């Protein structure tokens, strides 16, 4: 069956203009002149026999027909883009990386400039969908996760390093030998069992004057730095704060039983290969460096 489809350039011009709200912005996105976009939209209107825009040229608004056509075109172009990206295999372009937000801020971003310097043609696009049950969904190329197996089927698992964790608090707090400690026990939604896990592994019962829960790990760390209580935190996320004296680790850090891994699709992807090889190198350097070795207990 022969499809009756108008000019692809005309459809692209209208979709960009409708999505961005101005033909000038559409022209900038498509790398053409304002006049070219206007002509393409007019050509599409003539082909359809309906107006797609109304109002003055400097502030056009979509007609009812335009409102009906725009979302279908946007969805279609998104699907084409996704299909092309899934098939194309080059060593340049965008690489979508999913990573828990606090780990992204505290560990990955401070090292990412090294990757950018050596691979300037790869644009790493980060998102913080770090708790998804399916880590390689939504066209994510590489996902960094902390946990233990088994991992979802259909992914390659690249071990990075094991995790150590322990209580941390601001210097203004003094933990007494007797319980309860004169501070709240801080929790985060993503790791509600952190205190019980640490107590079971360390043999130290933890009891504080109250408790507080935070939606994001980063909020909990900021609360600990501000002296609002004591949190259980992984060493990679607090190493800089402990080194700077913003946080104290009274019992040191012990193995949590979890590990940081990179997960990637089991398909050819040159950009993912490059990034995962860099991640492995960065992880080895981290493990070999002094910052990967957390302190022993600094107080009973």
Protein backbone atom coordinates (compact mmCIF):
# COMPACT_ATOMS: atom_id res chain seq x y z
CA UNK A 1 0.00 0.00 0.00
CA UNK A 2 1.40 3.36 -1.00
CA UNK A 3 1.50 5.84 1.86
CA UNK A 4 0.21 9.36 1.26
CA UNK A 5 2.74 11.35 3.30
CA UNK A 6 3.68 14.99 2.69
CA UNK A 7 7.25 16.26 2.53
CA UNK A 8 9.36 15.02 5.46
CA UNK A 9 11.08 18.40 5.67
CA UNK A 10 7.69 20.11 5.88
CA UNK A 11 6.62 17.75 8.69
CA UNK A 12 9.90 18.36 10.55
CA UNK A 13 9.52 22.14 10.18
CA UNK A 14 5.97 22.13 11.55
CA UNK A 15 6.81 19.74 14.42
CA UNK A 16 9.76 21.86 15.55
CA UNK A 17 7.82 25.11 15.24
CA UNK A 18 4.81 23.71 17.09
CA UNK A 19 6.90 22.13 19.85
CA UNK A 20 9.12 25.18 20.38
CA UNK A 21 6.38 27.75 19.86
CA UNK A 22 8.32 29.98 17.44
CA UNK A 23 9.49 29.46 13.87
CA UNK A 24 12.69 31.30 14.77
CA UNK A 25 13.53 28.66 17.37
CA UNK A 26 12.59 25.90 14.93
CA UNK A 27 14.96 27.41 12.37
CA UNK A 28 17.79 27.42 14.91
CA UNK A 29 17.16 23.78 15.84
CA UNK A 30 16.96 22.64 12.20
CA UNK A 31 19.91 24.84 11.12
CA UNK A 32 17.90 26.59 8.39
CA UNK A 33 16.55 30.11 7.93
CA UNK A 34 13.32 31.45 9.43
CA UNK A 35 11.99 31.86 5.89
CA UNK A 36 12.70 28.22 5.06
CA UNK A 37 10.68 27.03 8.05
CA UNK A 38 7.82 29.36 7.15
CA UNK A 39 7.79 28.10 3.56
CA UNK A 40 7.84 24.46 4.65
CA UNK A 41 4.94 25.01 7.05
CA UNK A 42 2.97 26.80 4.35
CA UNK A 43 3.69 23.92 1.96
CA UNK A 44 2.34 21.46 4.54
CA UNK A 45 -0.78 23.56 5.09
CA UNK A 46 -1.41 23.63 1.32
CA UNK A 47 -0.95 19.87 1.09
CA UNK A 48 -3.36 19.26 4.00
CA UNK A 49 -5.80 21.96 2.99
CA UNK A 50 -6.04 23.32 6.54
CA UNK A 51 -4.30 26.01 8.53
CA UNK A 52 -1.94 24.78 11.27
CA UNK A 53 -1.03 28.15 12.77
CA UNK A 54 -3.08 31.26 13.46
CA UNK A 55 -2.29 34.71 14.80
CA UNK A 56 0.58 37.11 14.05
CA UNK A 57 3.85 35.80 12.66
CA UNK A 58 5.82 36.90 15.73
CA UNK A 59 3.49 34.98 18.08
CA UNK A 60 1.73 32.19 16.17
CA UNK A 61 -0.66 29.83 17.92
CA UNK A 62 -1.68 26.33 16.88
CA UNK A 63 -5.08 25.85 15.33
CA UNK A 64 -7.26 22.90 16.31
CA UNK A 65 -5.79 20.92 13.40
CA UNK A 66 -2.29 21.84 14.54
CA UNK A 67 -3.00 20.66 18.08
CA UNK A 68 -4.21 17.33 16.71
CA UNK A 69 -1.25 16.80 14.40
CA UNK A 70 1.63 17.93 16.64
CA UNK A 71 1.71 15.16 19.31
CA UNK A 72 1.46 12.42 16.69
CA UNK A 73 4.40 13.87 14.77
CA UNK A 74 6.50 14.35 17.90
CA UNK A 75 5.88 10.74 18.92
CA UNK A 76 6.71 9.50 15.41
CA UNK A 77 10.00 11.43 15.23
CA UNK A 78 10.93 10.22 18.73
CA UNK A 79 10.37 6.63 17.60
CA UNK A 80 12.49 7.15 14.50
CA UNK A 81 15.27 8.67 16.61
CA UNK A 82 15.13 5.76 19.06
CA UNK A 83 15.23 3.16 16.28
CA UNK A 84 18.21 4.84 14.63
CA UNK A 85 20.10 5.16 17.93
CA UNK A 86 19.52 1.50 18.74
CA UNK A 87 20.96 0.37 15.41
CA UNK A 88 23.70 2.92 14.84
CA UNK A 89 27.05 2.02 16.38
CA UNK A 90 29.59 4.83 16.40
CA UNK A 91 32.23 6.04 18.80
CA UNK A 92 30.70 9.51 18.98
CA UNK A 93 27.40 11.04 20.02
CA UNK A 94 25.21 10.80 23.10
CA UNK A 95 25.60 8.06 25.71
CA UNK A 96 22.78 7.79 28.27
CA UNK A 97 24.07 6.80 31.71
CA UNK A 98 21.80 6.12 34.68
CA UNK A 99 23.32 6.47 38.15
CA UNK A 100 22.05 7.10 41.71
CA UNK A 101 22.05 10.84 42.31
CA UNK A 102 24.37 11.07 45.31
CA UNK A 103 26.93 8.72 43.78
CA UNK A 104 26.78 10.82 40.61
CA UNK A 105 27.54 14.01 42.56
CA UNK A 106 30.09 12.61 45.00
CA UNK A 107 32.02 10.08 42.89
CA UNK A 108 31.24 10.13 39.17
CA UNK A 109 31.08 13.84 38.29
CA UNK A 110 34.42 14.71 40.00
CA UNK A 111 36.09 12.14 37.71
CA UNK A 112 34.09 12.70 34.54
CA UNK A 113 36.33 15.49 33.24
CA UNK A 114 39.05 12.87 32.69
CA UNK A 115 36.71 10.92 30.42
CA UNK A 116 35.64 14.07 28.58
CA UNK A 117 39.26 15.06 28.01
CA UNK A 118 40.12 11.74 26.38
CA UNK A 119 36.82 11.15 24.57
CA UNK A 120 35.45 14.57 23.57
CA UNK A 121 33.23 13.08 20.84
CA UNK A 122 31.16 11.13 23.38
CA UNK A 123 28.54 13.21 25.19
CA UNK A 124 27.69 11.52 28.50
CA UNK A 125 24.09 12.34 29.41
CA UNK A 126 23.43 11.56 33.08
CA UNK A 127 20.14 10.80 34.75
CA UNK A 128 19.46 9.83 38.35
CA UNK A 129 16.95 7.02 37.85
CA UNK A 130 19.00 4.99 40.28
CA UNK A 131 16.38 2.70 41.79
CA UNK A 132 14.65 1.33 38.72
CA UNK A 133 13.83 -2.37 38.79
CA UNK A 134 14.87 -2.47 35.14
CA UNK A 135 18.15 -0.50 35.01
CA UNK A 136 18.45 -0.57 31.22
CA UNK A 137 14.97 0.70 30.44
CA UNK A 138 14.07 3.93 28.65
CA UNK A 139 16.99 3.66 26.22
CA UNK A 140 19.66 3.82 28.96
CA UNK A 141 23.00 2.59 27.61
CA UNK A 142 24.87 2.09 30.90
CA UNK A 143 23.52 1.92 34.45
CA UNK A 144 25.67 2.18 37.58
CA UNK A 145 24.10 0.43 40.55
CA UNK A 146 24.97 -0.62 44.09
CA UNK A 147 23.58 -3.89 45.37
CA UNK A 148 24.08 -7.61 45.12
CA UNK A 149 23.10 -10.12 42.47
CA UNK A 150 21.34 -11.61 40.78
CA UNK A 151 21.11 -8.74 38.32
CA UNK A 152 18.42 -8.57 35.61
CA UNK A 153 18.86 -10.87 32.60
CA UNK A 154 20.07 -9.49 29.31
CA UNK A 155 22.80 -7.23 30.73
CA UNK A 156 26.57 -7.44 31.03
CA UNK A 157 27.72 -6.89 34.62
CA UNK A 158 31.02 -5.03 35.15
CA UNK A 159 32.14 -5.09 38.83
CA UNK A 160 33.64 -1.79 40.02
CA UNK A 161 34.35 -2.05 43.76
CA UNK A 162 32.84 -3.31 47.00
CA UNK A 163 31.14 -0.96 49.41
CA UNK A 164 32.08 -0.13 52.99
CA UNK A 165 29.71 1.75 55.26
CA UNK A 166 29.51 3.16 58.76
CA UNK A 167 27.99 5.85 60.99
CA UNK A 168 29.03 9.46 60.40
CA UNK A 169 28.11 12.67 62.20
CA UNK A 170 29.15 16.30 62.58
CA UNK A 171 31.99 17.22 64.98
CA UNK A 172 29.43 19.06 67.13
CA UNK A 173 27.92 15.72 68.17
CA UNK A 174 29.59 13.64 70.88
CA UNK A 175 28.47 10.03 71.01
CA UNK A 176 28.43 8.67 74.54
CA UNK A 177 29.32 5.12 75.49
CA UNK A 178 25.88 4.71 77.03
CA UNK A 179 22.72 4.53 74.98
CA UNK A 180 20.74 6.24 73.70
CA UNK A 181 23.16 8.50 71.85
CA UNK A 182 22.38 12.21 72.18
CA UNK A 183 21.42 12.47 68.52
CA UNK A 184 18.76 11.22 66.12
CA UNK A 185 19.37 8.24 63.87
CA UNK A 186 19.01 9.45 60.28
CA UNK A 187 17.45 7.21 57.63
CA UNK A 188 16.82 7.42 53.91
CA UNK A 189 13.92 5.94 51.94
CA UNK A 190 16.25 4.04 49.61
CA UNK A 191 18.00 2.26 52.51
CA UNK A 192 15.58 1.90 55.38
CA UNK A 193 17.48 -1.14 56.73
CA UNK A 194 20.89 0.53 56.79
CA UNK A 195 21.09 0.84 60.60
CA UNK A 196 19.95 -2.72 61.25
CA UNK A 197 22.34 -4.05 58.59
CA UNK A 198 25.25 -2.14 60.10
CA UNK A 199 24.40 -3.27 63.65
CA UNK A 200 24.20 -6.90 62.53
CA UNK A 201 27.57 -6.71 60.78
CA UNK A 202 29.40 -4.61 63.39
CA UNK A 203 27.91 -6.14 66.53
CA UNK A 204 27.18 -2.63 67.86
CA UNK A 205 23.62 -1.82 68.89
CA UNK A 206 22.57 1.64 67.78
CA UNK A 207 20.03 3.72 69.67
CA UNK A 208 19.46 7.45 69.32
CA UNK A 209 17.21 10.15 70.65
CA UNK A 210 14.60 9.93 67.95
CA UNK A 211 14.88 9.34 64.21
CA UNK A 212 14.38 11.20 60.95
CA UNK A 213 13.85 9.91 57.43
CA UNK A 214 14.77 11.67 54.19
CA UNK A 215 13.59 11.06 50.65
CA UNK A 216 17.04 11.41 49.09
CA UNK A 217 20.42 10.21 50.29
CA UNK A 218 21.94 13.62 49.62
CA UNK A 219 19.43 15.28 51.94
CA UNK A 220 20.38 12.87 54.71
CA UNK A 221 24.10 13.62 54.28
CA UNK A 222 23.44 17.34 54.42
CA UNK A 223 21.43 16.78 57.61
CA UNK A 224 24.34 14.86 59.12
CA UNK A 225 26.81 17.62 58.19
CA UNK A 226 24.44 20.17 59.75
CA UNK A 227 24.48 18.25 63.03
CA UNK A 228 20.90 16.98 62.88
CA UNK A 229 21.88 13.40 63.69
CA UNK A 230 23.96 10.35 62.81
CA UNK A 231 23.64 8.60 59.47
CA UNK A 232 24.87 5.31 58.04
CA UNK A 233 26.75 6.20 54.87
CA UNK A 234 28.90 4.46 52.27
CA UNK A 235 32.54 5.52 52.24
CA UNK A 236 32.63 6.64 48.57
CA UNK A 237 29.92 9.20 49.32
CA UNK A 238 31.50 10.76 52.43
CA UNK A 239 35.25 10.40 51.84
CA UNK A 240 35.71 14.08 51.02
CA UNK A 241 33.64 15.20 54.03
CA UNK A 242 35.58 12.97 56.43
CA UNK A 243 38.91 14.12 54.99
CA UNK A 244 37.83 17.77 55.37
CA UNK A 245 36.61 17.25 58.94
CA UNK A 246 32.98 18.02 58.14
CA UNK A 247 32.04 14.52 59.29
CA UNK A 248 33.46 12.11 61.85
CA UNK A 249 33.35 8.32 61.49
CA UNK A 250 33.44 7.11 65.11
CA UNK A 251 33.37 3.39 64.33
CA UNK A 252 35.20 3.35 61.02
CA UNK A 253 33.73 1.55 58.00
CA UNK A 254 33.02 -2.13 57.39
CA UNK A 255 31.95 -4.19 54.38
CA UNK A 256 28.26 -3.72 53.64
CA UNK A 257 27.99 -6.84 51.50
CA UNK A 258 27.05 -4.71 48.50
CA UNK A 259 29.05 -3.81 45.44
CA UNK A 260 29.09 -1.08 42.82
CA UNK A 261 28.64 -2.40 39.29
CA UNK A 262 28.08 -1.08 35.79
CA UNK A 263 25.31 -2.73 33.79
CA UNK A 264 25.08 -2.46 30.02
CA UNK A 265 23.04 -3.94 27.22
CA UNK A 266 24.31 -7.12 25.59
CA UNK A 267 24.61 -5.56 22.16
CA UNK A 268 27.31 -3.86 20.18
CA UNK A 269 27.73 -0.28 21.33
CA UNK A 270 31.09 1.39 20.81
CA UNK A 271 30.31 4.36 23.07
CA UNK A 272 29.25 2.04 25.91
CA UNK A 273 32.42 -0.02 25.41
CA UNK A 274 34.56 3.12 25.71
CA UNK A 275 32.74 4.38 28.79
CA UNK A 276 32.73 1.04 30.60
CA UNK A 277 36.47 0.57 29.99
CA UNK A 278 37.03 4.04 31.46
CA UNK A 279 34.80 3.20 34.43
CA UNK A 280 36.84 0.07 35.14
CA UNK A 281 40.06 2.09 35.04
CA UNK A 282 38.62 4.81 37.28
CA UNK A 283 37.43 2.16 39.75
CA UNK A 284 40.88 0.49 39.85
CA UNK A 285 42.55 3.84 40.46
CA UNK A 286 40.04 4.61 43.20
CA UNK A 287 40.64 1.27 44.93
CA UNK A 288 44.42 1.74 44.68
CA UNK A 289 44.29 5.31 45.99
CA UNK A 290 44.30 6.47 49.60
CA UNK A 291 40.79 7.89 49.36
CA UNK A 292 39.39 4.38 48.86
CA UNK A 293 40.74 3.23 52.24
CA UNK A 294 38.36 4.40 54.95
CA UNK A 295 39.64 5.16 58.44
CA UNK A 296 39.56 2.91 61.45
CA UNK A 297 37.43 3.85 64.43
CA UNK A 298 38.26 7.30 65.79
CA UNK A 299 36.41 6.92 69.09
CA UNK A 300 34.87 4.03 71.07
